[in-house]
Structures are given as structure tokens and as C-alpha cells.
């Protein structure tokens, strides 16, 4: 069975975009706080998962990869769009729940 890795560049881009959104004065305070919390959690997962490999077809990996793609749909030129902050926060929350489960099903770490 083939080992797969999470899309680290996509996870990195999303993490950086969340940190930037947390400092965006055009967003309301609640959104900035939410993005800051998500950025910190994404960064922690990134550190853990950068070397993780997963068995192909693992349901948790497949779901998480889809959630990462959906969360990155909120990126526009490397930044999170202002207009859909609430929807983006929800997509990232779903991704974070998937990432929480994913670390426990890694086939191996490099």
C-alpha cells in the first residue's frame, strides 16, 4: 500500500493566511480572534503532520485532504477573502477537527 503525505504547502498557505487575517483591521474583532486561534492550531498540526505518512485510502486522510482543499478555496492570492469570513472560519473548524483525528492514524513518521 502506498504511503501518502498531507499537502504541506496548502496547509502552510492556509496557516499563514489565518495569521494575516488575524491582523486585518478590516475584519471585526471576533473574526480576528477566531483566525488567530485557528492559525495557532493549524501551526501546531503542521509541525506534527509535516513528517507523517498515511496509508492510501485511509478514510480520515481522505476526508482531511478534502477539507483542506475546501478551506483553501477561501484563499485569494494567498489571502482569505474578507466577504466570507464566517464561512471560511467554519470550513477551517471542520478541517481542524479532521486534523485532530488524523495524527492518530498516521502509518509512520519520517
PDB file of N, CA and C in Angstrom:
ATOM      1  N   UNK A   1       0.846  -1.181   0.000  1.00  0.00           N
ATOM      2  CA  UNK A   1       0.000   0.000   0.000  1.00  0.00           C
ATOM      3  C   UNK A   1       0.894   1.249   0.000  1.00  0.00           C
ATOM      4  N   UNK A   2       0.516   2.236  -0.762  1.00  0.00           N
ATOM      5  CA  UNK A   2       1.282   3.462  -0.901  1.00  0.00           C
ATOM      6  C   UNK A   2       1.066   4.377   0.288  1.00  0.00           C
ATOM      7  N   UNK A   3       2.149   4.981   0.770  1.00  0.00           N
ATOM      8  CA  UNK A   3       2.039   5.979   1.827  1.00  0.00           C
ATOM      9  C   UNK A   3       1.831   7.346   1.200  1.00  0.00           C
ATOM     10  N   UNK A   4       0.928   8.119   1.779  1.00  0.00           N
ATOM     11  CA  UNK A   4       0.624   9.456   1.289  1.00  0.00           C
ATOM     12  C   UNK A   4       0.966  10.487   2.359  1.00  0.00           C
ATOM     13  N   UNK A   5       1.274  11.683   1.918  1.00  0.00           N
ATOM     14  CA  UNK A   5       1.544  12.796   2.835  1.00  0.00           C
ATOM     15  C   UNK A   5       0.468  13.856   2.641  1.00  0.00           C
ATOM     16  N   UNK A   6       0.161  14.552   3.713  1.00  0.00           N
ATOM     17  CA  UNK A   6      -0.775  15.666   3.625  1.00  0.00           C
ATOM     18  C   UNK A   6      -0.144  16.768   2.777  1.00  0.00           C
ATOM     19  N   UNK A   7      -0.952  17.567   2.130  1.00  0.00           N
ATOM     20  CA  UNK A   7      -0.468  18.661   1.286  1.00  0.00           C
ATOM     21  C   UNK A   7       0.090  19.768   2.179  1.00  0.00           C
ATOM     22  N   UNK A   8       1.369  19.639   2.522  1.00  0.00           N
ATOM     23  CA  UNK A   8       2.014  20.573   3.457  1.00  0.00           C
ATOM     24  C   UNK A   8       2.039  22.002   2.910  1.00  0.00           C
ATOM     25  N   UNK A   9       2.346  22.219   1.618  1.00  0.00           N
ATOM     26  CA  UNK A   9       2.302  23.607   1.115  1.00  0.00           C
ATOM     27  C   UNK A   9       0.913  24.245   1.261  1.00  0.00           C
ATOM     28  N   UNK A  10      -0.143  23.470   1.019  1.00  0.00           N
ATOM     29  CA  UNK A  10      -1.501  24.007   1.166  1.00  0.00           C
ATOM     30  C   UNK A  10      -1.804  24.318   2.626  1.00  0.00           C
ATOM     31  N   UNK A  11      -1.384  23.439   3.533  1.00  0.00           N
ATOM     32  CA  UNK A  11      -1.606  23.671   4.956  1.00  0.00           C
ATOM     33  C   UNK A  11      -0.796  24.882   5.434  1.00  0.00           C
ATOM     34  N   UNK A  12       0.412  25.034   4.922  1.00  0.00           N
ATOM     35  CA  UNK A  12       1.250  26.189   5.262  1.00  0.00           C
ATOM     36  C   UNK A  12       0.608  27.484   4.769  1.00  0.00           C
ATOM     37  N   UNK A  13       0.115  27.480   3.534  1.00  0.00           N
ATOM     38  CA  UNK A  13      -0.525  28.679   2.973  1.00  0.00           C
ATOM     39  C   UNK A  13      -1.748  29.074   3.788  1.00  0.00           C
ATOM     40  N   UNK A  14      -2.537  28.095   4.182  1.00  0.00           N
ATOM     41  CA  UNK A  14      -3.731  28.378   4.976  1.00  0.00           C
ATOM     42  C   UNK A  14      -3.346  28.920   6.354  1.00  0.00           C
ATOM     43  N   UNK A  15      -2.327  28.343   6.954  1.00  0.00           N
ATOM     44  CA  UNK A  15      -1.860  28.809   8.266  1.00  0.00           C
ATOM     45  C   UNK A  15      -1.409  30.265   8.187  1.00  0.00           C
ATOM     46  N   UNK A  16      -0.605  30.582   7.188  1.00  0.00           N
ATOM     47  CA  UNK A  16      -0.121  31.955   7.024  1.00  0.00           C
ATOM     48  C   UNK A  16      -1.276  32.916   6.750  1.00  0.00           C
ATOM     49  N   UNK A  17      -2.243  32.488   5.942  1.00  0.00           N
ATOM     50  CA  UNK A  17      -3.395  33.343   5.639  1.00  0.00           C
ATOM     51  C   UNK A  17      -4.216  33.615   6.899  1.00  0.00           C
ATOM     52  N   UNK A  18      -4.328  32.623   7.772  1.00  0.00           N
ATOM     53  CA  UNK A  18      -5.062  32.831   9.030  1.00  0.00           C
ATOM     54  C   UNK A  18      -4.334  33.835   9.925  1.00  0.00           C
ATOM     55  N   UNK A  19      -3.009  33.723  10.001  1.00  0.00           N
ATOM     56  CA  UNK A  19      -2.251  34.698  10.790  1.00  0.00           C
ATOM     57  C   UNK A  19      -2.439  36.111  10.227  1.00  0.00           C
ATOM     58  N   UNK A  20      -2.436  36.240   8.904  1.00  0.00           N
ATOM     59  CA  UNK A  20      -2.651  37.554   8.286  1.00  0.00           C
ATOM     60  C   UNK A  20      -4.066  38.069   8.551  1.00  0.00           C
ATOM     61  N   UNK A  21      -5.060  37.186   8.438  1.00  0.00           N
ATOM     62  CA  UNK A  21      -6.450  37.585   8.681  1.00  0.00           C
ATOM     63  C   UNK A  21      -6.643  38.032  10.129  1.00  0.00           C
ATOM     64  N   UNK A  22      -5.893  37.431  11.038  1.00  0.00           N
ATOM     65  CA  UNK A  22      -5.998  37.795  12.453  1.00  0.00           C
ATOM     66  C   UNK A  22      -5.506  39.215  12.712  1.00  0.00           C
ATOM     67  N   UNK A  23      -4.731  39.755  11.773  1.00  0.00           N
ATOM     68  CA  UNK A  23      -4.189  41.103  11.937  1.00  0.00           C
ATOM     69  C   UNK A  23      -4.860  42.115  11.010  1.00  0.00           C
ATOM     70  N   UNK A  24      -5.879  41.676  10.288  1.00  0.00           N
ATOM     71  CA  UNK A  24      -6.550  42.521   9.297  1.00  0.00           C
ATOM     72  C   UNK A  24      -7.561  43.435   9.991  1.00  0.00           C
ATOM     73  N   UNK A  25      -7.278  44.711  10.019  1.00  0.00           N
ATOM     74  CA  UNK A  25      -8.142  45.684  10.708  1.00  0.00           C
ATOM     75  C   UNK A  25      -9.517  45.819  10.053  1.00  0.00           C
ATOM     76  N   UNK A  26      -9.674  45.343   8.820  1.00  0.00           N
ATOM     77  CA  UNK A  26     -10.973  45.408   8.153  1.00  0.00           C
ATOM     78  C   UNK A  26     -11.943  44.335   8.651  1.00  0.00           C
ATOM     79  N   UNK A  27     -11.448  43.378   9.406  1.00  0.00           N
ATOM     80  CA  UNK A  27     -12.299  42.316   9.959  1.00  0.00           C
ATOM     81  C   UNK A  27     -12.743  42.705  11.364  1.00  0.00           C
ATOM     82  N   UNK A  28     -13.902  42.196  11.782  1.00  0.00           N
ATOM     83  CA  UNK A  28     -14.352  42.509  13.137  1.00  0.00           C
ATOM     84  C   UNK A  28     -13.507  41.738  14.161  1.00  0.00           C
ATOM     85  N   UNK A  29     -13.557  42.191  15.384  1.00  0.00           N
ATOM     86  CA  UNK A  29     -12.710  41.638  16.451  1.00  0.00           C
ATOM     87  C   UNK A  29     -12.943  40.142  16.653  1.00  0.00           C
ATOM     88  N   UNK A  30     -14.190  39.692  16.607  1.00  0.00           N
ATOM     89  CA  UNK A  30     -14.479  38.265  16.786  1.00  0.00           C
ATOM     90  C   UNK A  30     -13.824  37.425  15.698  1.00  0.00           C
ATOM     91  N   UNK A  31     -13.896  37.885  14.463  1.00  0.00           N
ATOM     92  CA  UNK A  31     -13.273  37.153  13.359  1.00  0.00           C
ATOM     93  C   UNK A  31     -11.756  37.125  13.525  1.00  0.00           C
ATOM     94  N   UNK A  32     -11.170  38.249  13.912  1.00  0.00           N
ATOM     95  CA  UNK A  32      -9.712  38.285  14.113  1.00  0.00           C
ATOM     96  C   UNK A  32      -9.295  37.301  15.205  1.00  0.00           C
ATOM     97  N   UNK A  33     -10.071  37.254  16.298  1.00  0.00           N
ATOM     98  CA  UNK A  33      -9.748  36.305  17.376  1.00  0.00           C
ATOM     99  C   UNK A  33      -9.870  34.859  16.895  1.00  0.00           C
ATOM    100  N   UNK A  34     -10.920  34.590  16.131  1.00  0.00           N
ATOM    101  CA  UNK A  34     -11.133  33.231  15.618  1.00  0.00           C
ATOM    102  C   UNK A  34      -9.994  32.815  14.684  1.00  0.00           C
ATOM    103  N   UNK A  35      -9.596  33.715  13.785  1.00  0.00           N
ATOM    104  CA  UNK A  35      -8.499  33.399  12.874  1.00  0.00           C
ATOM    105  C   UNK A  35      -7.179  33.212  13.629  1.00  0.00           C
ATOM    106  N   UNK A  36      -6.946  33.995  14.660  1.00  0.00           N
ATOM    107  CA  UNK A  36      -5.712  33.841  15.446  1.00  0.00           C
ATOM    108  C   UNK A  36      -5.680  32.478  16.131  1.00  0.00           C
ATOM    109  N   UNK A  37      -6.794  32.075  16.718  1.00  0.00           N
ATOM    110  CA  UNK A  37      -6.857  30.763  17.376  1.00  0.00           C
ATOM    111  C   UNK A  37      -6.674  29.638  16.362  1.00  0.00           C
ATOM    112  N   UNK A  38      -7.319  29.776  15.208  1.00  0.00           N
ATOM    113  CA  UNK A  38      -7.177  28.749  14.182  1.00  0.00           C
ATOM    114  C   UNK A  38      -5.749  28.688  13.654  1.00  0.00           C
ATOM    115  N   UNK A  39      -5.124  29.833  13.480  1.00  0.00           N
ATOM    116  CA  UNK A  39      -3.747  29.865  12.984  1.00  0.00           C
ATOM    117  C   UNK A  39      -2.813  29.129  13.942  1.00  0.00           C
ATOM    118  N   UNK A  40      -2.990  29.346  15.233  1.00  0.00           N
ATOM    119  CA  UNK A  40      -2.136  28.657  16.210  1.00  0.00           C
ATOM    120  C   UNK A  40      -2.357  27.146  16.170  1.00  0.00           C
ATOM    121  N   UNK A  41      -3.612  26.716  16.050  1.00  0.00           N
ATOM    122  CA  UNK A  41      -3.897  25.276  15.984  1.00  0.00           C
ATOM    123  C   UNK A  41      -3.373  24.671  14.678  1.00  0.00           C
ATOM    124  N   UNK A  42      -3.552  25.387  13.569  1.00  0.00           N
ATOM    125  CA  UNK A  42      -3.029  24.894  12.294  1.00  0.00           C
ATOM    126  C   UNK A  42      -1.513  24.759  12.343  1.00  0.00           C
ATOM    127  N   UNK A  43      -0.847  25.741  12.934  1.00  0.00           N
ATOM    128  CA  UNK A  43       0.616  25.691  13.048  1.00  0.00           C
ATOM    129  C   UNK A  43       1.056  24.464  13.843  1.00  0.00           C
ATOM    130  N   UNK A  44       0.368  24.175  14.940  1.00  0.00           N
ATOM    131  CA  UNK A  44       0.706  23.006  15.757  1.00  0.00           C
ATOM    132  C   UNK A  44       0.526  21.716  14.952  1.00  0.00           C
ATOM    133  N   UNK A  45      -0.568  21.629  14.199  1.00  0.00           N
ATOM    134  CA  UNK A  45      -0.777  20.446  13.366  1.00  0.00           C
ATOM    135  C   UNK A  45       0.271  20.353  12.274  1.00  0.00           C
ATOM    136  N   UNK A  46       0.642  21.471  11.704  1.00  0.00           N
ATOM    137  CA  UNK A  46       1.650  21.484  10.647  1.00  0.00           C
ATOM    138  C   UNK A  46       2.961  20.898  11.148  1.00  0.00           C
ATOM    139  N   UNK A  47       3.380  21.304  12.329  1.00  0.00           N
ATOM    140  CA  UNK A  47       4.623  20.795  12.912  1.00  0.00           C
ATOM    141  C   UNK A  47       4.538  19.280  13.103  1.00  0.00           C
ATOM    142  N   UNK A  48       3.392  18.810  13.557  1.00  0.00           N
ATOM    143  CA  UNK A  48       3.216  17.374  13.798  1.00  0.00           C
ATOM    144  C   UNK A  48       3.104  16.579  12.506  1.00  0.00           C
ATOM    145  N   UNK A  49       2.345  17.094  11.552  1.00  0.00           N
ATOM    146  CA  UNK A  49       1.997  16.314  10.370  1.00  0.00           C
ATOM    147  C   UNK A  49       2.957  16.459   9.199  1.00  0.00           C
ATOM    148  N   UNK A  50       3.915  17.363   9.300  1.00  0.00           N
ATOM    149  CA  UNK A  50       4.826  17.572   8.175  1.00  0.00           C
ATOM    150  C   UNK A  50       5.594  16.292   7.834  1.00  0.00           C
ATOM    151  N   UNK A  51       5.868  15.459   8.806  1.00  0.00           N
ATOM    152  CA  UNK A  51       6.621  14.232   8.546  1.00  0.00           C
ATOM    153  C   UNK A  51       5.754  12.983   8.580  1.00  0.00           C
ATOM    154  N   UNK A  52       4.445  13.125   8.737  1.00  0.00           N
ATOM    155  CA  UNK A  52       3.557  11.967   8.824  1.00  0.00           C
ATOM    156  C   UNK A  52       3.248  11.406   7.441  1.00  0.00           C
ATOM    157  N   UNK A  53       3.135  10.106   7.385  1.00  0.00           N
ATOM    158  CA  UNK A  53       2.726   9.424   6.167  1.00  0.00           C
ATOM    159  C   UNK A  53       1.514   8.563   6.508  1.00  0.00           C
ATOM    160  N   UNK A  54       0.588   8.478   5.562  1.00  0.00           N
ATOM    161  CA  UNK A  54      -0.679   7.793   5.794  1.00  0.00           C
ATOM    162  C   UNK A  54      -0.891   6.727   4.731  1.00  0.00           C
ATOM    163  N   UNK A  55      -1.517   5.633   5.123  1.00  0.00           N
ATOM    164  CA  UNK A  55      -1.841   4.580   4.170  1.00  0.00           C
ATOM    165  C   UNK A  55      -2.876   5.115   3.186  1.00  0.00           C
ATOM    166  N   UNK A  56      -2.662   4.825   1.913  1.00  0.00           N
ATOM    167  CA  UNK A  56      -3.610   5.258   0.883  1.00  0.00           C
ATOM    168  C   UNK A  56      -4.984   4.686   1.191  1.00  0.00           C
ATOM    169  N   UNK A  57      -6.004   5.491   1.014  1.00  0.00           N
ATOM    170  CA  UNK A  57      -7.362   5.044   1.236  1.00  0.00           C
ATOM    171  C   UNK A  57      -7.842   5.159   2.669  1.00  0.00           C
ATOM    172  N   UNK A  58      -6.996   5.641   3.576  1.00  0.00           N
ATOM    173  CA  UNK A  58      -7.426   5.833   4.955  1.00  0.00           C
ATOM    174  C   UNK A  58      -8.538   6.874   4.961  1.00  0.00           C
ATOM    175  N   UNK A  59      -9.734   6.522   5.474  1.00  0.00           N
ATOM    176  CA  UNK A  59     -10.861   7.457   5.434  1.00  0.00           C
ATOM    177  C   UNK A  59     -10.560   8.807   6.094  1.00  0.00           C
ATOM    178  N   UNK A  60      -9.871   8.799   7.219  1.00  0.00           N
ATOM    179  CA  UNK A  60      -9.558  10.059   7.903  1.00  0.00           C
ATOM    180  C   UNK A  60      -8.655  10.930   7.035  1.00  0.00           C
ATOM    181  N   UNK A  61      -7.700  10.312   6.340  1.00  0.00           N
ATOM    182  CA  UNK A  61      -6.792  11.072   5.475  1.00  0.00           C
ATOM    183  C   UNK A  61      -7.559  11.646   4.287  1.00  0.00           C
ATOM    184  N   UNK A  62      -8.391  10.811   3.658  1.00  0.00           N
ATOM    185  CA  UNK A  62      -9.165  11.258   2.504  1.00  0.00           C
ATOM    186  C   UNK A  62     -10.082  12.418   2.875  1.00  0.00           C
ATOM    187  N   UNK A  63     -10.767  12.297   4.004  1.00  0.00           N
ATOM    188  CA  UNK A  63     -11.662  13.367   4.457  1.00  0.00           C
ATOM    189  C   UNK A  63     -10.883  14.639   4.757  1.00  0.00           C
ATOM    190  N   UNK A  64      -9.743  14.498   5.408  1.00  0.00           N
ATOM    191  CA  UNK A  64      -8.940  15.665   5.767  1.00  0.00           C
ATOM    192  C   UNK A  64      -8.384  16.359   4.518  1.00  0.00           C
ATOM    193  N   UNK A  65      -7.963  15.592   3.552  1.00  0.00           N
ATOM    194  CA  UNK A  65      -7.461  16.175   2.302  1.00  0.00           C
ATOM    195  C   UNK A  65      -8.562  16.982   1.609  1.00  0.00           C
ATOM    196  N   UNK A  66      -9.802  16.458   1.610  1.00  0.00           N
ATOM    197  CA  UNK A  66     -10.932  17.206   1.036  1.00  0.00           C
ATOM    198  C   UNK A  66     -11.208  18.477   1.823  1.00  0.00           C
ATOM    199  N   UNK A  67     -11.149  18.384   3.149  1.00  0.00           N
ATOM    200  CA  UNK A  67     -11.405  19.552   3.990  1.00  0.00           C
ATOM    201  C   UNK A  67     -10.338  20.623   3.778  1.00  0.00           C
ATOM    202  N   UNK A  68      -9.087  20.200   3.587  1.00  0.00           N
ATOM    203  CA  UNK A  68      -8.015  21.151   3.323  1.00  0.00           C
ATOM    204  C   UNK A  68      -8.255  21.868   1.999  1.00  0.00           C
ATOM    205  N   UNK A  69      -8.670  21.133   0.991  1.00  0.00           N
ATOM    206  CA  UNK A  69      -8.994  21.746  -0.305  1.00  0.00           C
ATOM    207  C   UNK A  69     -10.136  22.743  -0.157  1.00  0.00           C
ATOM    208  N   UNK A  70     -11.165  22.368   0.590  1.00  0.00           N
ATOM    209  CA  UNK A  70     -12.316  23.269   0.797  1.00  0.00           C
ATOM    210  C   UNK A  70     -11.902  24.519   1.560  1.00  0.00           C
ATOM    211  N   UNK A  71     -11.082  24.358   2.586  1.00  0.00           N
ATOM    212  CA  UNK A  71     -10.639  25.521   3.359  1.00  0.00           C
ATOM    213  C   UNK A  71      -9.781  26.448   2.505  1.00  0.00           C
ATOM    214  N   UNK A  72      -8.953  25.866   1.658  1.00  0.00           N
ATOM    215  CA  UNK A  72      -8.100  26.688   0.793  1.00  0.00           C
ATOM    216  C   UNK A  72      -8.889  27.361  -0.318  1.00  0.00           C
ATOM    217  N   UNK A  73     -10.125  26.941  -0.542  1.00  0.00           N
ATOM    218  CA  UNK A  73     -10.975  27.615  -1.529  1.00  0.00           C
ATOM    219  C   UNK A  73     -11.258  29.049  -1.089  1.00  0.00           C
ATOM    220  N   UNK A  74     -11.116  29.318   0.199  1.00  0.00           N
ATOM    221  CA  UNK A  74     -11.311  30.667   0.720  1.00  0.00           C
ATOM    222  C   UNK A  74     -10.123  31.580   0.491  1.00  0.00           C
ATOM    223  N   UNK A  75      -9.047  31.039  -0.069  1.00  0.00           N
ATOM    224  CA  UNK A  75      -7.858  31.857  -0.337  1.00  0.00           C
ATOM    225  C   UNK A  75      -7.965  32.530  -1.700  1.00  0.00           C
ATOM    226  N   UNK A  76      -7.531  33.764  -1.735  1.00  0.00           N
ATOM    227  CA  UNK A  76      -7.478  34.513  -2.984  1.00  0.00           C
ATOM    228  C   UNK A  76      -6.136  35.227  -3.001  1.00  0.00           C
ATOM    229  N   UNK A  77      -5.259  34.790  -3.894  1.00  0.00           N
ATOM    230  CA  UNK A  77      -3.903  35.334  -3.955  1.00  0.00           C
ATOM    231  C   UNK A  77      -3.214  35.242  -2.581  1.00  0.00           C
ATOM    232  N   UNK A  78      -3.385  34.098  -1.925  1.00  0.00           N
ATOM    233  CA  UNK A  78      -2.708  33.854  -0.657  1.00  0.00           C
ATOM    234  C   UNK A  78      -3.345  34.502   0.562  1.00  0.00           C
ATOM    235  N   UNK A  79      -4.485  35.152   0.374  1.00  0.00           N
ATOM    236  CA  UNK A  79      -5.175  35.810   1.499  1.00  0.00           C
ATOM    237  C   UNK A  79      -6.598  35.289   1.595  1.00  0.00           C
ATOM    238  N   UNK A  80      -7.131  35.303   2.794  1.00  0.00           N
ATOM    239  CA  UNK A  80      -8.520  34.911   2.989  1.00  0.00           C
ATOM    240  C   UNK A  80      -9.423  36.068   2.589  1.00  0.00           C
ATOM    241  N   UNK A  81     -10.429  35.782   1.762  1.00  0.00           N
ATOM    242  CA  UNK A  81     -11.355  36.823   1.326  1.00  0.00           C
ATOM    243  C   UNK A  81     -12.114  37.395   2.515  1.00  0.00           C
ATOM    244  N   UNK A  82     -12.285  38.683   2.516  1.00  0.00           N
ATOM    245  CA  UNK A  82     -12.979  39.367   3.601  1.00  0.00           C
ATOM    246  C   UNK A  82     -14.470  39.058   3.601  1.00  0.00           C
ATOM    247  N   UNK A  83     -15.050  38.944   2.430  1.00  0.00           N
ATOM    248  CA  UNK A  83     -16.504  38.825   2.315  1.00  0.00           C
ATOM    249  C   UNK A  83     -17.084  37.571   2.957  1.00  0.00           C
ATOM    250  N   UNK A  84     -16.332  36.496   3.008  1.00  0.00           N
ATOM    251  CA  UNK A  84     -16.903  35.247   3.526  1.00  0.00           C
ATOM    252  C   UNK A  84     -16.150  34.727   4.743  1.00  0.00           C
ATOM    253  N   UNK A  85     -15.814  35.620   5.661  1.00  0.00           N
ATOM    254  CA  UNK A  85     -15.062  35.236   6.859  1.00  0.00           C
ATOM    255  C   UNK A  85     -15.763  34.151   7.661  1.00  0.00           C
ATOM    256  N   UNK A  86     -17.068  34.292   7.871  1.00  0.00           N
ATOM    257  CA  UNK A  86     -17.796  33.320   8.696  1.00  0.00           C
ATOM    258  C   UNK A  86     -17.763  31.926   8.067  1.00  0.00           C
ATOM    259  N   UNK A  87     -17.978  31.849   6.769  1.00  0.00           N
ATOM    260  CA  UNK A  87     -17.944  30.550   6.087  1.00  0.00           C
ATOM    261  C   UNK A  87     -16.542  29.956   6.123  1.00  0.00           C
ATOM    262  N   UNK A  88     -15.533  30.798   5.959  1.00  0.00           N
ATOM    263  CA  UNK A  88     -14.153  30.324   5.996  1.00  0.00           C
ATOM    264  C   UNK A  88     -13.801  29.802   7.385  1.00  0.00           C
ATOM    265  N   UNK A  89     -14.226  30.508   8.416  1.00  0.00           N
ATOM    266  CA  UNK A  89     -13.978  30.060   9.789  1.00  0.00           C
ATOM    267  C   UNK A  89     -14.606  28.684   9.999  1.00  0.00           C
ATOM    268  N   UNK A  90     -15.805  28.476   9.491  1.00  0.00           N
ATOM    269  CA  UNK A  90     -16.472  27.173   9.629  1.00  0.00           C
ATOM    270  C   UNK A  90     -15.728  26.078   8.875  1.00  0.00           C
ATOM    271  N   UNK A  91     -15.273  26.380   7.657  1.00  0.00           N
ATOM    272  CA  UNK A  91     -14.510  25.379   6.892  1.00  0.00           C
ATOM    273  C   UNK A  91     -13.230  25.014   7.607  1.00  0.00           C
ATOM    274  N   UNK A  92     -12.546  26.005   8.174  1.00  0.00           N
ATOM    275  CA  UNK A  92     -11.294  25.733   8.881  1.00  0.00           C
ATOM    276  C   UNK A  92     -11.563  24.950  10.163  1.00  0.00           C
ATOM    277  N   UNK A  93     -12.669  25.238  10.841  1.00  0.00           N
ATOM    278  CA  UNK A  93     -13.034  24.452  12.031  1.00  0.00           C
ATOM    279  C   UNK A  93     -13.225  22.983  11.667  1.00  0.00           C
ATOM    280  N   UNK A  94     -13.895  22.705  10.550  1.00  0.00           N
ATOM    281  CA  UNK A  94     -14.072  21.311  10.115  1.00  0.00           C
ATOM    282  C   UNK A  94     -12.721  20.670   9.823  1.00  0.00           C
ATOM    283  N   UNK A  95     -11.842  21.420   9.164  1.00  0.00           N
ATOM    284  CA  UNK A  95     -10.501  20.922   8.874  1.00  0.00           C
ATOM    285  C   UNK A  95      -9.751  20.605  10.165  1.00  0.00           C
ATOM    286  N   UNK A  96      -9.818  21.501  11.138  1.00  0.00           N
ATOM    287  CA  UNK A  96      -9.114  21.279  12.401  1.00  0.00           C
ATOM    288  C   UNK A  96      -9.612  20.023  13.112  1.00  0.00           C
ATOM    289  N   UNK A  97     -10.903  19.758  13.060  1.00  0.00           N
ATOM    290  CA  UNK A  97     -11.431  18.523  13.652  1.00  0.00           C
ATOM    291  C   UNK A  97     -10.857  17.305  12.935  1.00  0.00           C
ATOM    292  N   UNK A  98     -10.749  17.395  11.622  1.00  0.00           N
ATOM    293  CA  UNK A  98     -10.145  16.305  10.855  1.00  0.00           C
ATOM    294  C   UNK A  98      -8.679  16.131  11.176  1.00  0.00           C
ATOM    295  N   UNK A  99      -7.959  17.238  11.314  1.00  0.00           N
ATOM    296  CA  UNK A  99      -6.534  17.171  11.659  1.00  0.00           C
ATOM    297  C   UNK A  99      -6.337  16.579  13.052  1.00  0.00           C
ATOM    298  N   UNK A 100      -7.254  16.899  13.968  1.00  0.00           N
ATOM    299  CA  UNK A 100      -7.175  16.320  15.310  1.00  0.00           C
ATOM    300  C   UNK A 100      -7.209  14.790  15.241  1.00  0.00           C
ATOM    301  N   UNK A 101      -8.064  14.246  14.381  1.00  0.00           N
ATOM    302  CA  UNK A 101      -8.181  12.787  14.237  1.00  0.00           C
ATOM    303  C   UNK A 101      -7.019  12.204  13.444  1.00  0.00           C
ATOM    304  N   UNK A 102      -6.499  12.963  12.516  1.00  0.00           N
ATOM    305  CA  UNK A 102      -5.509  12.453  11.564  1.00  0.00           C
ATOM    306  C   UNK A 102      -4.199  12.041  12.216  1.00  0.00           C
ATOM    307  N   UNK A 103      -3.723  12.791  13.165  1.00  0.00           N
ATOM    308  CA  UNK A 103      -2.438  12.475  13.791  1.00  0.00           C
ATOM    309  C   UNK A 103      -2.441  11.077  14.403  1.00  0.00           C
ATOM    310  N   UNK A 104      -3.595  10.624  14.841  1.00  0.00           N
ATOM    311  CA  UNK A 104      -3.687   9.303  15.477  1.00  0.00           C
ATOM    312  C   UNK A 104      -3.702   8.141  14.497  1.00  0.00           C
ATOM    313  N   UNK A 105      -3.854   8.398  13.202  1.00  0.00           N
ATOM    314  CA  UNK A 105      -3.929   7.306  12.240  1.00  0.00           C
ATOM    315  C   UNK A 105      -2.745   7.290  11.272  1.00  0.00           C
ATOM    316  N   UNK A 106      -1.703   8.017  11.579  1.00  0.00           N
ATOM    317  CA  UNK A 106      -0.525   8.031  10.710  1.00  0.00           C
ATOM    318  C   UNK A 106       0.076   6.630  10.643  1.00  0.00           C
ATOM    319  N   UNK A 107       0.448   6.210   9.440  1.00  0.00           N
ATOM    320  CA  UNK A 107       1.078   4.907   9.263  1.00  0.00           C
ATOM    321  C   UNK A 107       2.511   4.937   9.794  1.00  0.00           C
ATOM    322  N   UNK A 108       3.154   6.087   9.623  1.00  0.00           N
ATOM    323  CA  UNK A 108       4.530   6.235  10.114  1.00  0.00           C
ATOM    324  C   UNK A 108       4.903   7.710  10.075  1.00  0.00           C
ATOM    325  N   UNK A 109       5.974   8.042  10.750  1.00  0.00           N
ATOM    326  CA  UNK A 109       6.538   9.385  10.729  1.00  0.00           C
ATOM    327  C   UNK A 109       7.973   9.261  10.210  1.00  0.00           C
ATOM    328  N   UNK A 110       8.409  10.193   9.392  1.00  0.00           N
ATOM    329  CA  UNK A 110       9.787  10.175   8.859  1.00  0.00           C
ATOM    330  C   UNK A 110      10.764  10.627   9.908  1.00  0.00           C
TER     331      UNK A 110
END
